């Protein structure tokens, strides 16, 4: 099956297409510019693949958690494109996508994802790879103060491989991370990783365009950044 994947849930803006077993992608770090960059990036990968939106089987989108504004932009674009091309859509977790990237690129089978959620909190979840090579959540996705994360994961055999911006933002987390000697290599999700996850059993998990929904995890919007960030 052939899919377009879209993600704007963090500082990164990422799109990818898988068409006839070939992949095309674009990725940019463009904080606060997602609304300007997302559609041109989608147009670019469609041209690279020499394909029309109506030739695809569905759209996979980053459903969060992450930036409230970014998540809404990504889902809004997904809904518009899916509705116009009469395609179904499937949401993929931002945290799961980063864990998937850790397995695909580095062979890591146990991963903790932690994204800086502002307001002195992190979005986090623990993942392990399944028999299909897909990283699956072993805990719920949650938002926690950094000093509570170790308690949340106390039943697990840690440390695990760490991905996301939360590790650099909060020193309290470092003891949980097996790659603690350096800043995480994987800070943001990619649409390519979302393609890998979203194509599996797409028909079972997809929805009509109007039912594409975000997963915020937290209901409060924060406009306040951490000191010095």
C-alpha atoms as a PDB file:
ATOM      1  CA  UNK A   1       0.000   0.000   0.000  1.00  0.00           C
ATOM      2  CA  UNK A   2       1.046   3.569  -0.662  1.00  0.00           C
ATOM      3  CA  UNK A   3       0.918   6.310   1.966  1.00  0.00           C
ATOM      4  CA  UNK A   4       1.727   9.924   2.747  1.00  0.00           C
ATOM      5  CA  UNK A   5       2.910  10.674   6.302  1.00  0.00           C
ATOM      6  CA  UNK A   6       2.772  14.147   7.889  1.00  0.00           C
ATOM      7  CA  UNK A   7       4.103  15.402  11.218  1.00  0.00           C
ATOM      8  CA  UNK A   8       4.242  18.906  12.687  1.00  0.00           C
ATOM      9  CA  UNK A   9       3.889  18.055  16.378  1.00  0.00           C
ATOM     10  CA  UNK A  10       7.318  19.293  17.535  1.00  0.00           C
ATOM     11  CA  UNK A  11       9.903  21.849  16.412  1.00  0.00           C
ATOM     12  CA  UNK A  12      10.502  19.588  13.401  1.00  0.00           C
ATOM     13  CA  UNK A  13       8.317  19.510  10.310  1.00  0.00           C
ATOM     14  CA  UNK A  14       8.457  16.190   8.470  1.00  0.00           C
ATOM     15  CA  UNK A  15       6.720  14.562   5.502  1.00  0.00           C
ATOM     16  CA  UNK A  16       7.298  11.274   3.690  1.00  0.00           C
ATOM     17  CA  UNK A  17       5.779   9.158   0.945  1.00  0.00           C
ATOM     18  CA  UNK A  18       6.018   5.442   0.361  1.00  0.00           C
ATOM     19  CA  UNK A  19       4.959   4.622  -3.183  1.00  0.00           C
ATOM     20  CA  UNK A  20       5.620   1.377  -5.057  1.00  0.00           C
ATOM     21  CA  UNK A  21       8.181   0.364  -2.416  1.00  0.00           C
ATOM     22  CA  UNK A  22      10.147   3.599  -2.821  1.00  0.00           C
ATOM     23  CA  UNK A  23      10.428   6.282  -0.132  1.00  0.00           C
ATOM     24  CA  UNK A  24      10.746  10.040  -0.465  1.00  0.00           C
ATOM     25  CA  UNK A  25      10.968  12.417   2.471  1.00  0.00           C
ATOM     26  CA  UNK A  26      11.728  15.939   3.640  1.00  0.00           C
ATOM     27  CA  UNK A  27      12.576  17.094   7.159  1.00  0.00           C
ATOM     28  CA  UNK A  28      13.179  20.573   8.554  1.00  0.00           C
ATOM     29  CA  UNK A  29      13.685  22.110  11.964  1.00  0.00           C
ATOM     30  CA  UNK A  30      11.429  25.141  11.618  1.00  0.00           C
ATOM     31  CA  UNK A  31       9.909  26.236  14.941  1.00  0.00           C
ATOM     32  CA  UNK A  32       6.802  28.392  14.503  1.00  0.00           C
ATOM     33  CA  UNK A  33       6.917  28.005  10.701  1.00  0.00           C
ATOM     34  CA  UNK A  34       4.969  24.772  10.252  1.00  0.00           C
ATOM     35  CA  UNK A  35       1.971  26.494   8.691  1.00  0.00           C
ATOM     36  CA  UNK A  36       4.281  27.970   6.033  1.00  0.00           C
ATOM     37  CA  UNK A  37       6.426  24.928   5.325  1.00  0.00           C
ATOM     38  CA  UNK A  38       4.161  21.889   5.577  1.00  0.00           C
ATOM     39  CA  UNK A  39       2.199  22.194   2.320  1.00  0.00           C
ATOM     40  CA  UNK A  40       5.267  23.061   0.173  1.00  0.00           C
ATOM     41  CA  UNK A  41       7.084  20.051   1.650  1.00  0.00           C
ATOM     42  CA  UNK A  42       4.133  17.794   0.834  1.00  0.00           C
ATOM     43  CA  UNK A  43       4.026  19.137  -2.708  1.00  0.00           C
ATOM     44  CA  UNK A  44       7.762  18.502  -3.034  1.00  0.00           C
ATOM     45  CA  UNK A  45       7.627  14.831  -2.022  1.00  0.00           C
ATOM     46  CA  UNK A  46       4.604  14.230  -4.258  1.00  0.00           C
ATOM     47  CA  UNK A  47       6.608  15.601  -7.184  1.00  0.00           C
ATOM     48  CA  UNK A  48       9.659  13.535  -6.235  1.00  0.00           C
ATOM     49  CA  UNK A  49       7.531  10.390  -6.208  1.00  0.00           C
ATOM     50  CA  UNK A  50       5.754  11.487  -9.405  1.00  0.00           C
ATOM     51  CA  UNK A  51       2.425  10.673  -7.802  1.00  0.00           C
ATOM     52  CA  UNK A  52      -0.892  12.392  -7.169  1.00  0.00           C
ATOM     53  CA  UNK A  53      -2.577  12.391  -3.786  1.00  0.00           C
ATOM     54  CA  UNK A  54      -5.466  10.376  -5.252  1.00  0.00           C
ATOM     55  CA  UNK A  55      -3.023   7.599  -6.191  1.00  0.00           C
ATOM     56  CA  UNK A  56      -2.331   6.905  -2.518  1.00  0.00           C
ATOM     57  CA  UNK A  57      -4.130   4.546  -0.135  1.00  0.00           C
ATOM     58  CA  UNK A  58      -4.176   6.791   2.928  1.00  0.00           C
ATOM     59  CA  UNK A  59      -2.545   9.472   5.065  1.00  0.00           C
ATOM     60  CA  UNK A  60      -0.658   8.843   8.306  1.00  0.00           C
ATOM     61  CA  UNK A  61      -0.344  11.795  10.681  1.00  0.00           C
ATOM     62  CA  UNK A  62       1.443  12.673  13.896  1.00  0.00           C
ATOM     63  CA  UNK A  63      -1.291  12.866  16.534  1.00  0.00           C
ATOM     64  CA  UNK A  64       0.889  14.120  19.388  1.00  0.00           C
ATOM     65  CA  UNK A  65       1.734  14.610  22.140  1.00  0.00           C
ATOM     66  CA  UNK A  66       3.712  17.732  21.411  1.00  0.00           C
ATOM     67  CA  UNK A  67       3.087  21.343  20.541  1.00  0.00           C
ATOM     68  CA  UNK A  68      -0.636  22.086  20.733  1.00  0.00           C
ATOM     69  CA  UNK A  69      -0.401  24.409  17.732  1.00  0.00           C
ATOM     70  CA  UNK A  70       1.798  22.063  15.724  1.00  0.00           C
ATOM     71  CA  UNK A  71      -0.445  19.067  16.330  1.00  0.00           C
ATOM     72  CA  UNK A  72      -3.485  21.067  15.212  1.00  0.00           C
ATOM     73  CA  UNK A  73      -1.712  22.262  12.056  1.00  0.00           C
ATOM     74  CA  UNK A  74      -0.700  18.729  11.103  1.00  0.00           C
ATOM     75  CA  UNK A  75      -4.169  17.325  11.671  1.00  0.00           C
ATOM     76  CA  UNK A  76      -5.844  20.231   9.899  1.00  0.00           C
ATOM     77  CA  UNK A  77      -3.707  19.656   6.812  1.00  0.00           C
ATOM     78  CA  UNK A  78      -4.345  15.912   7.033  1.00  0.00           C
ATOM     79  CA  UNK A  79      -8.090  16.427   7.196  1.00  0.00           C
ATOM     80  CA  UNK A  80      -8.106  18.799   4.243  1.00  0.00           C
ATOM     81  CA  UNK A  81      -5.994  16.542   2.040  1.00  0.00           C
ATOM     82  CA  UNK A  82      -7.765  13.329   3.056  1.00  0.00           C
ATOM     83  CA  UNK A  83     -11.192  14.836   2.492  1.00  0.00           C
ATOM     84  CA  UNK A  84     -10.286  16.258  -0.922  1.00  0.00           C
ATOM     85  CA  UNK A  85      -8.738  12.979  -2.121  1.00  0.00           C
ATOM     86  CA  UNK A  86     -11.303  10.743  -0.343  1.00  0.00           C
ATOM     87  CA  UNK A  87      -8.604   8.989   1.676  1.00  0.00           C
ATOM     88  CA  UNK A  88      -8.690   7.475   5.136  1.00  0.00           C
ATOM     89  CA  UNK A  89      -6.273   8.693   7.823  1.00  0.00           C
ATOM     90  CA  UNK A  90      -4.459   7.104  10.757  1.00  0.00           C
ATOM     91  CA  UNK A  91      -2.797   8.825  13.697  1.00  0.00           C
ATOM     92  CA  UNK A  92       0.588   7.745  15.096  1.00  0.00           C
ATOM     93  CA  UNK A  93       2.072   8.758  18.431  1.00  0.00           C
ATOM     94  CA  UNK A  94       4.935  11.229  18.413  1.00  0.00           C
ATOM     95  CA  UNK A  95       6.625   9.255  21.194  1.00  0.00           C
ATOM     96  CA  UNK A  96       6.184   5.932  19.399  1.00  0.00           C
ATOM     97  CA  UNK A  97       7.675   7.373  16.208  1.00  0.00           C
ATOM     98  CA  UNK A  98      10.886   8.355  18.009  1.00  0.00           C
ATOM     99  CA  UNK A  99      11.108   4.915  19.615  1.00  0.00           C
ATOM    100  CA  UNK A 100      10.637   3.353  16.184  1.00  0.00           C
ATOM    101  CA  UNK A 101      13.458   5.433  14.796  1.00  0.00           C
ATOM    102  CA  UNK A 102      15.733   4.187  17.589  1.00  0.00           C
ATOM    103  CA  UNK A 103      14.990   0.590  16.579  1.00  0.00           C
ATOM    104  CA  UNK A 104      15.200   1.162  12.821  1.00  0.00           C
ATOM    105  CA  UNK A 105      18.457   3.115  12.905  1.00  0.00           C
ATOM    106  CA  UNK A 106      20.231   1.781  15.982  1.00  0.00           C
ATOM    107  CA  UNK A 107      18.653  -1.583  16.749  1.00  0.00           C
ATOM    108  CA  UNK A 108      17.483  -0.453  20.198  1.00  0.00           C
ATOM    109  CA  UNK A 109      14.731  -2.752  21.452  1.00  0.00           C
ATOM    110  CA  UNK A 110      13.848  -0.988  24.731  1.00  0.00           C
ATOM    111  CA  UNK A 111      13.302   2.761  24.581  1.00  0.00           C
ATOM    112  CA  UNK A 112      12.014   5.536  26.819  1.00  0.00           C
ATOM    113  CA  UNK A 113      10.754   8.559  24.911  1.00  0.00           C
ATOM    114  CA  UNK A 114      10.656  11.871  26.782  1.00  0.00           C
ATOM    115  CA  UNK A 115       9.661  15.188  25.206  1.00  0.00           C
ATOM    116  CA  UNK A 116      10.007  18.525  26.976  1.00  0.00           C
ATOM    117  CA  UNK A 117       6.365  19.496  27.589  1.00  0.00           C
ATOM    118  CA  UNK A 118       7.186  22.925  29.066  1.00  0.00           C
ATOM    119  CA  UNK A 119       5.618  23.899  32.399  1.00  0.00           C
ATOM    120  CA  UNK A 120       8.428  21.824  34.026  1.00  0.00           C
ATOM    121  CA  UNK A 121       6.956  18.553  32.744  1.00  0.00           C
ATOM    122  CA  UNK A 122       7.731  15.856  30.180  1.00  0.00           C
ATOM    123  CA  UNK A 123       5.595  13.702  27.908  1.00  0.00           C
ATOM    124  CA  UNK A 124       6.892  10.172  28.267  1.00  0.00           C
ATOM    125  CA  UNK A 125       6.287   6.494  27.495  1.00  0.00           C
ATOM    126  CA  UNK A 126       8.283   3.230  27.489  1.00  0.00           C
ATOM    127  CA  UNK A 127       8.387   1.016  24.373  1.00  0.00           C
ATOM    128  CA  UNK A 128       9.582  -2.465  23.405  1.00  0.00           C
ATOM    129  CA  UNK A 129       9.798  -3.959  19.920  1.00  0.00           C
ATOM    130  CA  UNK A 130       7.297  -6.635  18.863  1.00  0.00           C
ATOM    131  CA  UNK A 131       7.650  -9.587  16.472  1.00  0.00           C
ATOM    132  CA  UNK A 132       6.855  -7.365  13.488  1.00  0.00           C
ATOM    133  CA  UNK A 133       9.647  -4.931  14.288  1.00  0.00           C
ATOM    134  CA  UNK A 134       7.250  -2.284  15.577  1.00  0.00           C
ATOM    135  CA  UNK A 135       7.886  -0.466  18.851  1.00  0.00           C
ATOM    136  CA  UNK A 136       4.840  -0.927  21.098  1.00  0.00           C
ATOM    137  CA  UNK A 137       3.990   1.011  24.289  1.00  0.00           C
ATOM    138  CA  UNK A 138       4.428  -0.908  27.537  1.00  0.00           C
ATOM    139  CA  UNK A 139       3.113   1.949  29.683  1.00  0.00           C
ATOM    140  CA  UNK A 140       0.519   4.632  29.103  1.00  0.00           C
ATOM    141  CA  UNK A 141       1.606   7.889  27.517  1.00  0.00           C
ATOM    142  CA  UNK A 142       1.627  10.459  30.277  1.00  0.00           C
ATOM    143  CA  UNK A 143       2.845  13.894  31.310  1.00  0.00           C
ATOM    144  CA  UNK A 144       4.854  14.117  34.543  1.00  0.00           C
ATOM    145  CA  UNK A 145       7.108  16.380  36.545  1.00  0.00           C
ATOM    146  CA  UNK A 146      10.708  15.193  35.956  1.00  0.00           C
ATOM    147  CA  UNK A 147      11.176  14.113  39.580  1.00  0.00           C
ATOM    148  CA  UNK A 148       8.244  11.684  39.236  1.00  0.00           C
ATOM    149  CA  UNK A 149       9.422   9.912  36.092  1.00  0.00           C
ATOM    150  CA  UNK A 150      11.733   7.458  37.903  1.00  0.00           C
ATOM    151  CA  UNK A 151       8.861   6.440  40.171  1.00  0.00           C
ATOM    152  CA  UNK A 152       6.595   5.938  37.142  1.00  0.00           C
ATOM    153  CA  UNK A 153       9.121   3.517  35.627  1.00  0.00           C
ATOM    154  CA  UNK A 154      10.248   1.811  38.833  1.00  0.00           C
ATOM    155  CA  UNK A 155       8.788  -1.570  37.802  1.00  0.00           C
ATOM    156  CA  UNK A 156      10.921  -1.706  34.645  1.00  0.00           C
ATOM    157  CA  UNK A 157      14.422  -3.099  34.180  1.00  0.00           C
ATOM    158  CA  UNK A 158      16.209   0.177  33.452  1.00  0.00           C
ATOM    159  CA  UNK A 159      18.157   1.966  32.089  1.00  0.00           C
ATOM    160  CA  UNK A 160      16.734   2.035  28.561  1.00  0.00           C
ATOM    161  CA  UNK A 161      17.700   3.906  25.417  1.00  0.00           C
ATOM    162  CA  UNK A 162      16.538   7.515  25.628  1.00  0.00           C
ATOM    163  CA  UNK A 163      15.051   9.605  22.823  1.00  0.00           C
ATOM    164  CA  UNK A 164      13.509  13.074  22.819  1.00  0.00           C
ATOM    165  CA  UNK A 165      14.186  16.581  24.081  1.00  0.00           C
ATOM    166  CA  UNK A 166      13.268  15.840  27.698  1.00  0.00           C
ATOM    167  CA  UNK A 167      16.630  14.319  28.600  1.00  0.00           C
ATOM    168  CA  UNK A 168      18.610  17.474  27.888  1.00  0.00           C
ATOM    169  CA  UNK A 169      15.974  19.693  29.495  1.00  0.00           C
ATOM    170  CA  UNK A 170      15.797  17.884  32.853  1.00  0.00           C
ATOM    171  CA  UNK A 171      18.854  16.419  34.544  1.00  0.00           C
ATOM    172  CA  UNK A 172      16.631  14.330  36.854  1.00  0.00           C
ATOM    173  CA  UNK A 173      15.961  11.911  33.991  1.00  0.00           C
ATOM    174  CA  UNK A 174      19.524  11.050  33.015  1.00  0.00           C
ATOM    175  CA  UNK A 175      19.907   8.066  35.358  1.00  0.00           C
ATOM    176  CA  UNK A 176      17.138   6.255  33.464  1.00  0.00           C
ATOM    177  CA  UNK A 177      18.919   6.513  30.117  1.00  0.00           C
ATOM    178  CA  UNK A 178      21.456   3.928  28.938  1.00  0.00           C
ATOM    179  CA  UNK A 179      22.965   6.446  26.477  1.00  0.00           C
ATOM    180  CA  UNK A 180      23.455   9.020  29.223  1.00  0.00           C
ATOM    181  CA  UNK A 181      27.034   9.874  28.228  1.00  0.00           C
ATOM    182  CA  UNK A 182      25.790  12.156  25.460  1.00  0.00           C
ATOM    183  CA  UNK A 183      22.794  14.119  24.284  1.00  0.00           C
ATOM    184  CA  UNK A 184      20.227  11.830  22.600  1.00  0.00           C
ATOM    185  CA  UNK A 185      20.799  11.376  18.872  1.00  0.00           C
ATOM    186  CA  UNK A 186      17.047  11.311  18.255  1.00  0.00           C
ATOM    187  CA  UNK A 187      15.332  14.469  19.482  1.00  0.00           C
ATOM    188  CA  UNK A 188      12.275  14.751  17.210  1.00  0.00           C
ATOM    189  CA  UNK A 189       9.970  12.344  15.372  1.00  0.00           C
ATOM    190  CA  UNK A 190      10.150  11.719  11.632  1.00  0.00           C
ATOM    191  CA  UNK A 191       7.411  10.995   9.123  1.00  0.00           C
ATOM    192  CA  UNK A 192       9.472   8.045   7.858  1.00  0.00           C
ATOM    193  CA  UNK A 193       9.151   6.324  11.237  1.00  0.00           C
ATOM    194  CA  UNK A 194       5.423   7.089  11.213  1.00  0.00           C
ATOM    195  CA  UNK A 195       5.158   5.384   7.821  1.00  0.00           C
ATOM    196  CA  UNK A 196       6.706   2.244   9.298  1.00  0.00           C
ATOM    197  CA  UNK A 197       4.213   2.165  12.170  1.00  0.00           C
ATOM    198  CA  UNK A 198       1.129   3.428  10.376  1.00  0.00           C
ATOM    199  CA  UNK A 199       1.177   1.054   7.416  1.00  0.00           C
ATOM    200  CA  UNK A 200       0.809  -2.009   9.676  1.00  0.00           C
ATOM    201  CA  UNK A 201      -2.894  -2.932   9.867  1.00  0.00           C
ATOM    202  CA  UNK A 202      -3.793   0.460   8.439  1.00  0.00           C
ATOM    203  CA  UNK A 203      -7.303  -0.676   7.528  1.00  0.00           C
ATOM    204  CA  UNK A 204      -8.006  -1.677  11.145  1.00  0.00           C
ATOM    205  CA  UNK A 205      -6.958   1.654  12.647  1.00  0.00           C
ATOM    206  CA  UNK A 206      -7.821   4.254  10.016  1.00  0.00           C
ATOM    207  CA  UNK A 207     -10.700   6.729  10.268  1.00  0.00           C
ATOM    208  CA  UNK A 208     -12.592   9.078   7.983  1.00  0.00           C
ATOM    209  CA  UNK A 209     -10.928  12.465   7.567  1.00  0.00           C
ATOM    210  CA  UNK A 210     -13.347  14.282   9.869  1.00  0.00           C
ATOM    211  CA  UNK A 211     -12.573  11.862  12.705  1.00  0.00           C
ATOM    212  CA  UNK A 212      -8.805  12.426  12.710  1.00  0.00           C
ATOM    213  CA  UNK A 213      -8.119  13.538  16.273  1.00  0.00           C
ATOM    214  CA  UNK A 214      -5.122  14.734  18.300  1.00  0.00           C
ATOM    215  CA  UNK A 215      -3.771  13.086  21.432  1.00  0.00           C
ATOM    216  CA  UNK A 216      -2.691  15.986  23.587  1.00  0.00           C
ATOM    217  CA  UNK A 217      -2.100  13.989  26.839  1.00  0.00           C
ATOM    218  CA  UNK A 218      -2.277  17.314  28.657  1.00  0.00           C
ATOM    219  CA  UNK A 219      -5.207  19.712  28.333  1.00  0.00           C
ATOM    220  CA  UNK A 220      -3.396  22.925  29.267  1.00  0.00           C
ATOM    221  CA  UNK A 221      -1.605  25.134  26.765  1.00  0.00           C
ATOM    222  CA  UNK A 222       1.624  26.739  27.973  1.00  0.00           C
ATOM    223  CA  UNK A 223       3.098  29.796  26.319  1.00  0.00           C
ATOM    224  CA  UNK A 224       5.865  30.003  28.924  1.00  0.00           C
ATOM    225  CA  UNK A 225       9.267  28.596  28.032  1.00  0.00           C
ATOM    226  CA  UNK A 226      11.865  27.401  30.506  1.00  0.00           C
ATOM    227  CA  UNK A 227      14.444  29.964  31.650  1.00  0.00           C
ATOM    228  CA  UNK A 228      17.175  30.372  29.072  1.00  0.00           C
ATOM    229  CA  UNK A 229      15.324  28.349  26.370  1.00  0.00           C
END
